[in-house]
Amino acid sequence: MLCGDDMKKFKIPVVPPTTNKCIRFPNNIISDVENAIRGKDCTFTAFVVEAVKVALENLKDEETHNN
């Protein structure tokens, strides 16, 4: 048990602003994502957002290494 100064202070989380975008996925990609997240605490949207973040980071890394 944490006491005194060792206790973490609770902060109300800030939810980033979002915009709804409608995109079409090939059926096989939908199936693959649904299979990957089955039984896990993850939504289709969360999976796609994380995948896009990683792809963007990879692109930035490639640009840095190519310049």
PDB file of N, CA and C in Angstrom:
ATOM      1  N   MET A   1       0.838  -1.175   0.000  1.00  0.00           N
ATOM      2  CA  MET A   1       0.000   0.000   0.000  1.00  0.00           C
ATOM      3  C   MET A   1       0.883   1.237   0.000  1.00  0.00           C
ATOM      4  N   LEU A   2       0.522   2.229  -0.815  1.00  0.00           N
ATOM      5  CA  LEU A   2       1.277   3.470  -0.891  1.00  0.00           C
ATOM      6  C   LEU A   2       0.721   4.468   0.110  1.00  0.00           C
ATOM      7  N   CYS A   3       1.621   5.177   0.762  1.00  0.00           N
ATOM      8  CA  CYS A   3       1.197   6.161   1.740  1.00  0.00           C
ATOM      9  C   CYS A   3       1.945   7.464   1.527  1.00  0.00           C
ATOM     10  N   GLY A   4       1.364   8.554   1.996  1.00  0.00           N
ATOM     11  CA  GLY A   4       2.040   9.844   1.990  1.00  0.00           C
ATOM     12  C   GLY A   4       2.486  10.279   0.616  1.00  0.00           C
ATOM     13  N   ASP A   5       3.768  10.683   0.511  1.00  0.00           N
ATOM     14  CA  ASP A   5       4.310  11.230  -0.736  1.00  0.00           C
ATOM     15  C   ASP A   5       4.448  10.173  -1.828  1.00  0.00           C
ATOM     16  N   ASP A   6       4.413   8.882  -1.470  1.00  0.00           N
ATOM     17  CA  ASP A   6       4.556   7.817  -2.455  1.00  0.00           C
ATOM     18  C   ASP A   6       3.283   7.585  -3.260  1.00  0.00           C
ATOM     19  N   MET A   7       2.162   8.157  -2.826  1.00  0.00           N
ATOM     20  CA  MET A   7       0.899   7.943  -3.527  1.00  0.00           C
ATOM     21  C   MET A   7       0.869   8.734  -4.827  1.00  0.00           C
ATOM     22  N   LYS A   8       0.414   8.079  -5.870  1.00  0.00           N
ATOM     23  CA  LYS A   8       0.229   8.776  -7.143  1.00  0.00           C
ATOM     24  C   LYS A   8      -1.014   9.635  -7.038  1.00  0.00           C
ATOM     25  N   LYS A   9      -0.960  10.783  -7.643  1.00  0.00           N
ATOM     26  CA  LYS A   9      -2.111  11.676  -7.672  1.00  0.00           C
ATOM     27  C   LYS A   9      -2.978  11.295  -8.863  1.00  0.00           C
ATOM     28  N   PHE A  10      -4.268  11.238  -8.615  1.00  0.00           N
ATOM     29  CA  PHE A  10      -5.200  10.930  -9.693  1.00  0.00           C
ATOM     30  C   PHE A  10      -5.362  12.150 -10.578  1.00  0.00           C
ATOM     31  N   LYS A  11      -5.255  11.925 -11.881  1.00  0.00           N
ATOM     32  CA  LYS A  11      -5.491  12.982 -12.857  1.00  0.00           C
ATOM     33  C   LYS A  11      -6.609  12.527 -13.774  1.00  0.00           C
ATOM     34  N   ILE A  12      -7.551  13.393 -14.006  1.00  0.00           N
ATOM     35  CA  ILE A  12      -8.636  13.060 -14.925  1.00  0.00           C
ATOM     36  C   ILE A  12      -8.038  12.989 -16.325  1.00  0.00           C
ATOM     37  N   PRO A  13      -8.216  11.851 -17.028  1.00  0.00           N
ATOM     38  CA  PRO A  13      -7.608  11.715 -18.356  1.00  0.00           C
ATOM     39  C   PRO A  13      -8.260  12.656 -19.361  1.00  0.00           C
ATOM     40  N   VAL A  14      -7.453  13.114 -20.285  1.00  0.00           N
ATOM     41  CA  VAL A  14      -7.940  13.974 -21.357  1.00  0.00           C
ATOM     42  C   VAL A  14      -8.124  13.113 -22.600  1.00  0.00           C
ATOM     43  N   VAL A  15      -9.327  13.121 -23.121  1.00  0.00           N
ATOM     44  CA  VAL A  15      -9.609  12.367 -24.335  1.00  0.00           C
ATOM     45  C   VAL A  15      -9.288  13.271 -25.520  1.00  0.00           C
ATOM     46  N   PRO A  16      -8.412  12.804 -26.417  1.00  0.00           N
ATOM     47  CA  PRO A  16      -8.061  13.657 -27.555  1.00  0.00           C
ATOM     48  C   PRO A  16      -9.284  13.854 -28.452  1.00  0.00           C
ATOM     49  N   PRO A  17      -9.343  15.002 -29.124  1.00  0.00           N
ATOM     50  CA  PRO A  17     -10.460  15.208 -30.041  1.00  0.00           C
ATOM     51  C   PRO A  17     -10.388  14.194 -31.177  1.00  0.00           C
ATOM     52  N   THR A  18     -11.540  13.777 -31.638  1.00  0.00           N
ATOM     53  CA  THR A  18     -11.589  12.791 -32.721  1.00  0.00           C
ATOM     54  C   THR A  18     -12.535  13.270 -33.814  1.00  0.00           C
ATOM     55  N   THR A  19     -12.345  12.713 -34.980  1.00  0.00           N
ATOM     56  CA  THR A  19     -13.219  12.974 -36.112  1.00  0.00           C
ATOM     57  C   THR A  19     -13.609  11.636 -36.717  1.00  0.00           C
ATOM     58  N   ASN A  20     -14.867  11.471 -37.000  1.00  0.00           N
ATOM     59  CA  ASN A  20     -15.343  10.239 -37.597  1.00  0.00           C
ATOM     60  C   ASN A  20     -14.991  10.229 -39.081  1.00  0.00           C
ATOM     61  N   LYS A  21     -14.287   9.180 -39.530  1.00  0.00           N
ATOM     62  CA  LYS A  21     -13.959   9.011 -40.941  1.00  0.00           C
ATOM     63  C   LYS A  21     -14.491   7.648 -41.377  1.00  0.00           C
ATOM     64  N   CYS A  22     -15.138   7.629 -42.493  1.00  0.00           N
ATOM     65  CA  CYS A  22     -15.665   6.369 -43.016  1.00  0.00           C
ATOM     66  C   CYS A  22     -14.704   5.880 -44.090  1.00  0.00           C
ATOM     67  N   ILE A  23     -14.116   4.708 -43.868  1.00  0.00           N
ATOM     68  CA  ILE A  23     -13.214   4.134 -44.867  1.00  0.00           C
ATOM     69  C   ILE A  23     -13.655   2.712 -45.171  1.00  0.00           C
ATOM     70  N   ARG A  24     -13.312   2.248 -46.340  1.00  0.00           N
ATOM     71  CA  ARG A  24     -13.660   0.882 -46.740  1.00  0.00           C
ATOM     72  C   ARG A  24     -12.415   0.009 -46.634  1.00  0.00           C
ATOM     73  N   PHE A  25     -12.599  -1.149 -46.036  1.00  0.00           N
ATOM     74  CA  PHE A  25     -11.528  -2.129 -45.916  1.00  0.00           C
ATOM     75  C   PHE A  25     -11.889  -3.338 -46.767  1.00  0.00           C
ATOM     76  N   PRO A  26     -10.914  -3.966 -47.398  1.00  0.00           N
ATOM     77  CA  PRO A  26     -11.190  -5.249 -48.049  1.00  0.00           C
ATOM     78  C   PRO A  26     -11.659  -6.252 -46.979  1.00  0.00           C
ATOM     79  N   ASN A  27     -12.579  -7.111 -47.351  1.00  0.00           N
ATOM     80  CA  ASN A  27     -13.157  -8.066 -46.395  1.00  0.00           C
ATOM     81  C   ASN A  27     -12.106  -8.927 -45.720  1.00  0.00           C
ATOM     82  N   ASN A  28     -11.072  -9.316 -46.468  1.00  0.00           N
ATOM     83  CA  ASN A  28     -10.046 -10.174 -45.867  1.00  0.00           C
ATOM     84  C   ASN A  28      -9.253  -9.430 -44.787  1.00  0.00           C
ATOM     85  N   ILE A  29      -9.054  -8.112 -44.952  1.00  0.00           N
ATOM     86  CA  ILE A  29      -8.355  -7.329 -43.920  1.00  0.00           C
ATOM     87  C   ILE A  29      -9.219  -7.250 -42.665  1.00  0.00           C
ATOM     88  N   ILE A  30     -10.510  -7.030 -42.853  1.00  0.00           N
ATOM     89  CA  ILE A  30     -11.428  -6.981 -41.704  1.00  0.00           C
ATOM     90  C   ILE A  30     -11.365  -8.293 -40.939  1.00  0.00           C
ATOM     91  N   SER A  31     -11.416  -9.397 -41.657  1.00  0.00           N
ATOM     92  CA  SER A  31     -11.352 -10.718 -41.008  1.00  0.00           C
ATOM     93  C   SER A  31     -10.043 -10.911 -40.268  1.00  0.00           C
ATOM     94  N   ASP A  32      -8.936 -10.508 -40.900  1.00  0.00           N
ATOM     95  CA  ASP A  32      -7.624 -10.667 -40.263  1.00  0.00           C
ATOM     96  C   ASP A  32      -7.523  -9.838 -38.983  1.00  0.00           C
ATOM     97  N   VAL A  33      -8.011  -8.602 -39.018  1.00  0.00           N
ATOM     98  CA  VAL A  33      -7.968  -7.749 -37.818  1.00  0.00           C
ATOM     99  C   VAL A  33      -8.864  -8.332 -36.738  1.00  0.00           C
ATOM    100  N   GLU A  34     -10.079  -8.727 -37.103  1.00  0.00           N
ATOM    101  CA  GLU A  34     -10.996  -9.302 -36.111  1.00  0.00           C
ATOM    102  C   GLU A  34     -10.413 -10.558 -35.480  1.00  0.00           C
ATOM    103  N   ASN A  35      -9.727 -11.383 -36.271  1.00  0.00           N
ATOM    104  CA  ASN A  35      -9.074 -12.575 -35.722  1.00  0.00           C
ATOM    105  C   ASN A  35      -7.934 -12.192 -34.785  1.00  0.00           C
ATOM    106  N   ALA A  36      -7.185 -11.154 -35.136  1.00  0.00           N
ATOM    107  CA  ALA A  36      -6.047 -10.729 -34.318  1.00  0.00           C
ATOM    108  C   ALA A  36      -6.491 -10.191 -32.962  1.00  0.00           C
ATOM    109  N   ILE A  37      -7.653  -9.540 -32.910  1.00  0.00           N
ATOM    110  CA  ILE A  37      -8.088  -8.920 -31.648  1.00  0.00           C
ATOM    111  C   ILE A  37      -9.072  -9.787 -30.862  1.00  0.00           C
ATOM    112  N   ARG A  38      -9.491 -10.905 -31.445  1.00  0.00           N
ATOM    113  CA  ARG A  38     -10.444 -11.782 -30.758  1.00  0.00           C
ATOM    114  C   ARG A  38      -9.891 -12.213 -29.403  1.00  0.00           C
ATOM    115  N   GLY A  39     -10.701 -12.032 -28.358  1.00  0.00           N
ATOM    116  CA  GLY A  39     -10.301 -12.437 -27.011  1.00  0.00           C
ATOM    117  C   GLY A  39      -9.400 -11.440 -26.315  1.00  0.00           C
ATOM    118  N   LYS A  40      -9.131 -10.323 -26.962  1.00  0.00           N
ATOM    119  CA  LYS A  40      -8.266  -9.303 -26.368  1.00  0.00           C
ATOM    120  C   LYS A  40      -9.101  -8.067 -26.067  1.00  0.00           C
ATOM    121  N   ASP A  41      -8.625  -7.248 -25.163  1.00  0.00           N
ATOM    122  CA  ASP A  41      -9.321  -6.020 -24.797  1.00  0.00           C
ATOM    123  C   ASP A  41      -8.943  -4.925 -25.789  1.00  0.00           C
ATOM    124  N   CYS A  42      -9.422  -5.079 -27.032  1.00  0.00           N
ATOM    125  CA  CYS A  42      -9.066  -4.152 -28.104  1.00  0.00           C
ATOM    126  C   CYS A  42     -10.238  -4.061 -29.072  1.00  0.00           C
ATOM    127  N   THR A  43     -10.486  -2.859 -29.563  1.00  0.00           N
ATOM    128  CA  THR A  43     -11.521  -2.668 -30.568  1.00  0.00           C
ATOM    129  C   THR A  43     -10.881  -2.589 -31.949  1.00  0.00           C
ATOM    130  N   PHE A  44     -11.704  -2.756 -32.962  1.00  0.00           N
ATOM    131  CA  PHE A  44     -11.225  -2.629 -34.342  1.00  0.00           C
ATOM    132  C   PHE A  44     -10.613  -1.246 -34.543  1.00  0.00           C
ATOM    133  N   THR A  45     -11.310  -0.228 -34.056  1.00  0.00           N
ATOM    134  CA  THR A  45     -10.829   1.145 -34.206  1.00  0.00           C
ATOM    135  C   THR A  45      -9.486   1.340 -33.521  1.00  0.00           C
ATOM    136  N   ALA A  46      -9.351   0.863 -32.278  1.00  0.00           N
ATOM    137  CA  ALA A  46      -8.090   1.025 -31.550  1.00  0.00           C
ATOM    138  C   ALA A  46      -6.945   0.341 -32.297  1.00  0.00           C
ATOM    139  N   PHE A  47      -7.211  -0.834 -32.848  1.00  0.00           N
ATOM    140  CA  PHE A  47      -6.197  -1.560 -33.602  1.00  0.00           C
ATOM    141  C   PHE A  47      -5.754  -0.748 -34.820  1.00  0.00           C
ATOM    142  N   VAL A  48      -6.720  -0.231 -35.571  1.00  0.00           N
ATOM    143  CA  VAL A  48      -6.406   0.531 -36.786  1.00  0.00           C
ATOM    144  C   VAL A  48      -5.662   1.815 -36.443  1.00  0.00           C
ATOM    145  N   VAL A  49      -6.090   2.525 -35.404  1.00  0.00           N
ATOM    146  CA  VAL A  49      -5.413   3.760 -35.005  1.00  0.00           C
ATOM    147  C   VAL A  49      -3.961   3.469 -34.639  1.00  0.00           C
ATOM    148  N   GLU A  50      -3.726   2.417 -33.861  1.00  0.00           N
ATOM    149  CA  GLU A  50      -2.357   2.071 -33.474  1.00  0.00           C
ATOM    150  C   GLU A  50      -1.526   1.697 -34.703  1.00  0.00           C
ATOM    151  N   ALA A  51      -2.119   0.943 -35.619  1.00  0.00           N
ATOM    152  CA  ALA A  51      -1.400   0.549 -36.835  1.00  0.00           C
ATOM    153  C   ALA A  51      -1.014   1.772 -37.662  1.00  0.00           C
ATOM    154  N   VAL A  52      -1.906   2.739 -37.765  1.00  0.00           N
ATOM    155  CA  VAL A  52      -1.616   3.956 -38.527  1.00  0.00           C
ATOM    156  C   VAL A  52      -0.526   4.768 -37.834  1.00  0.00           C
ATOM    157  N   LYS A  53      -0.578   4.859 -36.500  1.00  0.00           N
ATOM    158  CA  LYS A  53       0.478   5.570 -35.766  1.00  0.00           C
ATOM    159  C   LYS A  53       1.844   4.958 -36.044  1.00  0.00           C
ATOM    160  N   VAL A  54       1.930   3.631 -35.982  1.00  0.00           N
ATOM    161  CA  VAL A  54       3.197   2.942 -36.226  1.00  0.00           C
ATOM    162  C   VAL A  54       3.653   3.163 -37.661  1.00  0.00           C
ATOM    163  N   ALA A  55       2.730   3.102 -38.613  1.00  0.00           N
ATOM    164  CA  ALA A  55       3.087   3.330 -40.016  1.00  0.00           C
ATOM    165  C   ALA A  55       3.631   4.739 -40.208  1.00  0.00           C
ATOM    166  N   LEU A  56       3.002   5.738 -39.588  1.00  0.00           N
ATOM    167  CA  LEU A  56       3.475   7.119 -39.708  1.00  0.00           C
ATOM    168  C   LEU A  56       4.853   7.298 -39.076  1.00  0.00           C
ATOM    169  N   GLU A  57       5.082   6.662 -37.920  1.00  0.00           N
ATOM    170  CA  GLU A  57       6.405   6.717 -37.286  1.00  0.00           C
ATOM    171  C   GLU A  57       7.458   6.089 -38.198  1.00  0.00           C
ATOM    172  N   ASN A  58       7.121   4.965 -38.818  1.00  0.00           N
ATOM    173  CA  ASN A  58       8.054   4.296 -39.733  1.00  0.00           C
ATOM    174  C   ASN A  58       8.390   5.187 -40.917  1.00  0.00           C
ATOM    175  N   LEU A  59       7.384   5.868 -41.454  1.00  0.00           N
ATOM    176  CA  LEU A  59       7.631   6.780 -42.571  1.00  0.00           C
ATOM    177  C   LEU A  59       8.542   7.935 -42.170  1.00  0.00           C
ATOM    178  N   LYS A  60       8.333   8.482 -40.980  1.00  0.00           N
ATOM    179  CA  LYS A  60       9.192   9.567 -40.485  1.00  0.00           C
ATOM    180  C   LYS A  60      10.619   9.078 -40.318  1.00  0.00           C
ATOM    181  N   ASP A  61      10.772   7.866 -39.766  1.00  0.00           N
ATOM    182  CA  ASP A  61      12.108   7.284 -39.591  1.00  0.00           C
ATOM    183  C   ASP A  61      12.803   7.094 -40.940  1.00  0.00           C
ATOM    184  N   GLU A  62      12.061   6.619 -41.935  1.00  0.00           N
ATOM    185  CA  GLU A  62      12.626   6.421 -43.265  1.00  0.00           C
ATOM    186  C   GLU A  62      13.068   7.749 -43.865  1.00  0.00           C
ATOM    187  N   GLU A  63      12.245   8.786 -43.704  1.00  0.00           N
ATOM    188  CA  GLU A  63      12.599  10.114 -44.223  1.00  0.00           C
ATOM    189  C   GLU A  63      13.867  10.636 -43.566  1.00  0.00           C
ATOM    190  N   THR A  64      13.984  10.434 -42.255  1.00  0.00           N
ATOM    191  CA  THR A  64      15.155  10.896 -41.514  1.00  0.00           C
ATOM    192  C   THR A  64      16.409  10.179 -41.993  1.00  0.00           C
ATOM    193  N   HIS A  65      16.313   8.876 -42.219  1.00  0.00           N
ATOM    194  CA  HIS A  65      17.468   8.097 -42.640  1.00  0.00           C
ATOM    195  C   HIS A  65      17.826   8.319 -44.100  1.00  0.00           C
ATOM    196  N   ASN A  66      16.869   8.760 -44.913  1.00  0.00           N
ATOM    197  CA  ASN A  66      17.124   8.986 -46.340  1.00  0.00           C
ATOM    198  C   ASN A  66      17.580  10.403 -46.641  1.00  0.00           C
ATOM    199  N   ASN A  67      17.541  11.289 -45.670  1.00  0.00           N
ATOM    200  CA  ASN A  67      17.963  12.684 -45.904  1.00  0.00           C
ATOM    201  C   ASN A  67      19.332  12.959 -45.360  1.00  0.00           C
TER     202      ASN A  67
END
